[in-house]
Amino acid sequence: MDIVRIVVLLLHPLLATGLLGWIWWQYSWRRKSHELKGESRNKALNQHEKYGNRLIWSAFFVICIAFLSRAFVGWRENESFVTAFEPSLHGFMGPVGFVLLFLLARMGRRARDARKGGEKFAHHALKHGRAADLIVVLAFLHAFLGFLQIFKVL
């Protein structure tokens, strides 16, 4: 049992678990937005927007850690490049999920820009919320597949 291999391979799942919690926290804005009023709602909305942008970069970082950890373990064990990056549904869904998360943030920015521009923004916000519903379901599915992948990799 190589402890370095285990630690390097568990970096991604540990960081991804934190990211999943953060995604759920961001997603909880839909409920909070109906409960808050006035200045506290505006403050929470600004925080939601700011953390949403940070979430994208954090997701990119977690995906990079996944690829780097597999590359490091493959290099350390003298595996070929193809063997180190054996295709899996979990591995395929990571970059796809990132693209969806990026598009979700773009929808959120459109809603924000329309709101700040004094335009009607309800349809943008509705699309953003529905896309968030889909992404949360896919994120938890991705996490479950990753949990199963741990047993294969370790």
Protein backbone atom coordinates (compact mmCIF):
# COMPACT_ATOMS: atom_id res chain seq x y z
CA MET A 1 0.00 0.00 0.00
CA ASP A 2 1.65 3.18 -1.23
CA ILE A 3 0.60 6.08 1.01
CA VAL A 4 1.72 8.78 -1.48
CA ARG A 5 -0.46 7.23 -4.19
CA ILE A 6 -3.47 7.15 -1.89
CA VAL A 7 -3.01 10.73 -0.69
CA VAL A 8 -2.56 12.09 -4.21
CA LEU A 9 -5.57 10.19 -5.53
CA LEU A 10 -7.77 11.30 -2.63
CA LEU A 11 -7.01 15.01 -3.17
CA HIS A 12 -9.65 15.27 -5.87
CA PRO A 13 -12.47 13.52 -3.97
CA LEU A 14 -11.82 15.57 -0.84
CA LEU A 15 -11.78 18.87 -2.70
CA ALA A 16 -14.76 17.80 -4.79
CA THR A 17 -16.77 17.02 -1.66
CA GLY A 18 -16.18 20.58 -0.47
CA LEU A 19 -17.11 21.86 -3.91
CA LEU A 20 -20.32 19.83 -3.86
CA GLY A 21 -21.24 21.37 -0.51
CA TRP A 22 -20.53 24.81 -1.94
CA ILE A 23 -22.72 24.08 -4.99
CA TRP A 24 -25.53 23.02 -2.65
CA TRP A 25 -25.06 26.19 -0.60
CA GLN A 26 -25.24 28.32 -3.77
CA TYR A 27 -28.30 26.37 -4.88
CA SER A 28 -30.04 27.13 -1.59
CA TRP A 29 -30.25 30.76 -2.79
CA ARG A 30 -33.50 29.87 -4.54
CA ARG A 31 -35.19 29.26 -1.19
CA LYS A 32 -33.45 32.17 0.53
CA SER A 33 -34.43 34.61 -2.21
CA HIS A 34 -38.10 34.18 -1.32
CA GLU A 35 -37.53 34.52 2.43
CA LEU A 36 -35.31 37.61 2.50
CA LYS A 37 -36.53 41.16 1.96
CA GLY A 38 -35.01 44.59 1.48
CA GLU A 39 -31.37 45.28 2.19
CA SER A 40 -30.64 41.80 3.56
CA ARG A 41 -31.88 40.29 0.27
CA ASN A 42 -29.70 42.66 -1.78
CA LYS A 43 -26.68 41.80 0.34
CA ALA A 44 -27.35 38.06 -0.02
CA LEU A 45 -27.87 38.45 -3.78
CA ASN A 46 -24.53 40.23 -4.18
CA GLN A 47 -22.86 37.48 -2.17
CA HIS A 48 -24.56 34.82 -4.34
CA GLU A 49 -23.24 36.49 -7.49
CA LYS A 50 -19.72 36.91 -6.11
CA TYR A 51 -19.49 33.33 -4.84
CA GLY A 52 -20.96 31.99 -8.09
CA ASN A 53 -18.04 33.45 -10.02
CA ARG A 54 -15.57 32.02 -7.51
CA LEU A 55 -17.27 28.65 -7.77
CA ILE A 56 -16.43 28.39 -11.45
CA TRP A 57 -12.72 28.88 -10.83
CA SER A 58 -12.82 26.47 -7.90
CA ALA A 59 -14.47 23.82 -10.08
CA PHE A 60 -11.76 24.34 -12.70
CA PHE A 61 -9.12 23.91 -9.99
CA VAL A 62 -10.71 20.67 -8.71
CA ILE A 63 -10.86 19.25 -12.24
CA CYS A 64 -7.21 20.16 -12.82
CA ILE A 65 -6.29 18.43 -9.55
CA ALA A 66 -8.06 15.28 -10.79
CA PHE A 67 -6.09 15.21 -14.03
CA LEU A 68 -2.81 16.11 -12.37
CA SER A 69 -3.20 13.47 -9.68
CA ARG A 70 -3.92 10.75 -12.25
CA ALA A 71 -0.96 11.94 -14.33
CA PHE A 72 1.32 11.96 -11.29
CA VAL A 73 0.30 8.46 -10.24
CA GLY A 74 0.65 7.22 -13.81
CA TRP A 75 4.11 8.75 -14.09
CA ARG A 76 5.15 7.36 -10.70
CA GLU A 77 4.03 3.86 -11.64
CA ASN A 78 5.50 4.04 -15.18
CA GLU A 79 2.11 3.67 -16.82
CA SER A 80 1.46 4.78 -20.36
CA PHE A 81 -0.49 7.98 -20.90
CA VAL A 82 -3.49 6.03 -22.20
CA THR A 83 -3.53 3.75 -19.16
CA ALA A 84 -3.26 6.66 -16.72
CA PHE A 85 -6.28 8.37 -18.29
CA GLU A 86 -8.49 5.35 -18.80
CA PRO A 87 -11.84 6.68 -20.01
CA SER A 88 -14.77 6.53 -17.63
CA LEU A 89 -18.18 8.14 -17.40
CA HIS A 90 -17.08 9.99 -14.27
CA GLY A 91 -13.99 11.36 -16.01
CA PHE A 92 -15.99 12.43 -19.04
CA MET A 93 -18.65 14.17 -16.95
CA GLY A 94 -16.15 16.43 -15.13
CA PRO A 95 -15.27 18.71 -18.06
CA VAL A 96 -18.85 18.52 -19.37
CA GLY A 97 -20.10 19.57 -15.93
CA PHE A 98 -17.64 22.45 -15.92
CA VAL A 99 -18.99 23.70 -19.25
CA LEU A 100 -22.54 23.46 -17.90
CA LEU A 101 -21.49 25.32 -14.75
CA PHE A 102 -19.91 28.02 -16.90
CA LEU A 103 -23.12 28.35 -18.94
CA LEU A 104 -25.13 28.52 -15.71
CA ALA A 105 -22.99 31.42 -14.51
CA ARG A 106 -23.42 33.13 -17.85
CA MET A 107 -27.19 32.86 -17.50
CA GLY A 108 -26.89 34.35 -14.03
CA ARG A 109 -24.84 37.25 -15.39
CA ARG A 110 -27.49 37.90 -18.04
CA ALA A 111 -30.17 38.04 -15.34
CA ARG A 112 -27.99 40.40 -13.26
CA ASP A 113 -27.26 42.66 -16.22
CA ALA A 114 -30.93 42.83 -17.18
CA ARG A 115 -31.89 43.59 -13.57
CA LYS A 116 -29.29 46.33 -13.24
CA GLY A 117 -30.21 47.71 -16.65
CA GLY A 118 -33.83 48.10 -15.63
CA GLU A 119 -35.01 45.50 -18.13
CA LYS A 120 -37.30 42.55 -17.50
CA PHE A 121 -35.17 39.81 -16.04
CA ALA A 122 -37.62 37.23 -14.69
CA HIS A 123 -37.23 34.94 -17.70
CA HIS A 124 -33.43 35.05 -17.36
CA ALA A 125 -33.66 34.28 -13.66
CA LEU A 126 -36.10 31.42 -14.33
CA LYS A 127 -33.76 29.88 -16.94
CA HIS A 128 -30.85 30.27 -14.52
CA GLY A 129 -32.81 28.54 -11.77
CA ARG A 130 -33.95 25.67 -13.98
CA ALA A 131 -30.41 25.16 -15.23
CA ALA A 132 -29.26 25.12 -11.60
CA ASP A 133 -31.80 22.35 -10.90
CA LEU A 134 -30.26 20.26 -13.66
CA ILE A 135 -26.69 20.96 -12.62
CA VAL A 136 -27.32 20.03 -8.98
CA VAL A 137 -28.80 16.69 -10.03
CA LEU A 138 -25.89 16.05 -12.39
CA ALA A 139 -23.36 17.10 -9.73
CA PHE A 140 -24.72 14.58 -7.24
CA LEU A 141 -24.82 11.89 -9.95
CA HIS A 142 -21.22 12.76 -10.81
CA ALA A 143 -20.26 12.50 -7.14
CA PHE A 144 -21.88 9.08 -6.87
CA LEU A 145 -20.00 7.86 -9.96
CA GLY A 146 -16.83 9.29 -8.44
CA PHE A 147 -17.47 7.39 -5.24
CA LEU A 148 -17.69 4.19 -7.28
CA GLN A 149 -14.58 5.18 -9.23
CA ILE A 150 -12.56 5.44 -6.00
CA PHE A 151 -12.82 1.67 -5.54
CA LYS A 152 -11.55 1.08 -9.05
CA VAL A 153 -8.62 3.51 -8.81
CA LEU A 154 -7.45 2.73 -5.31
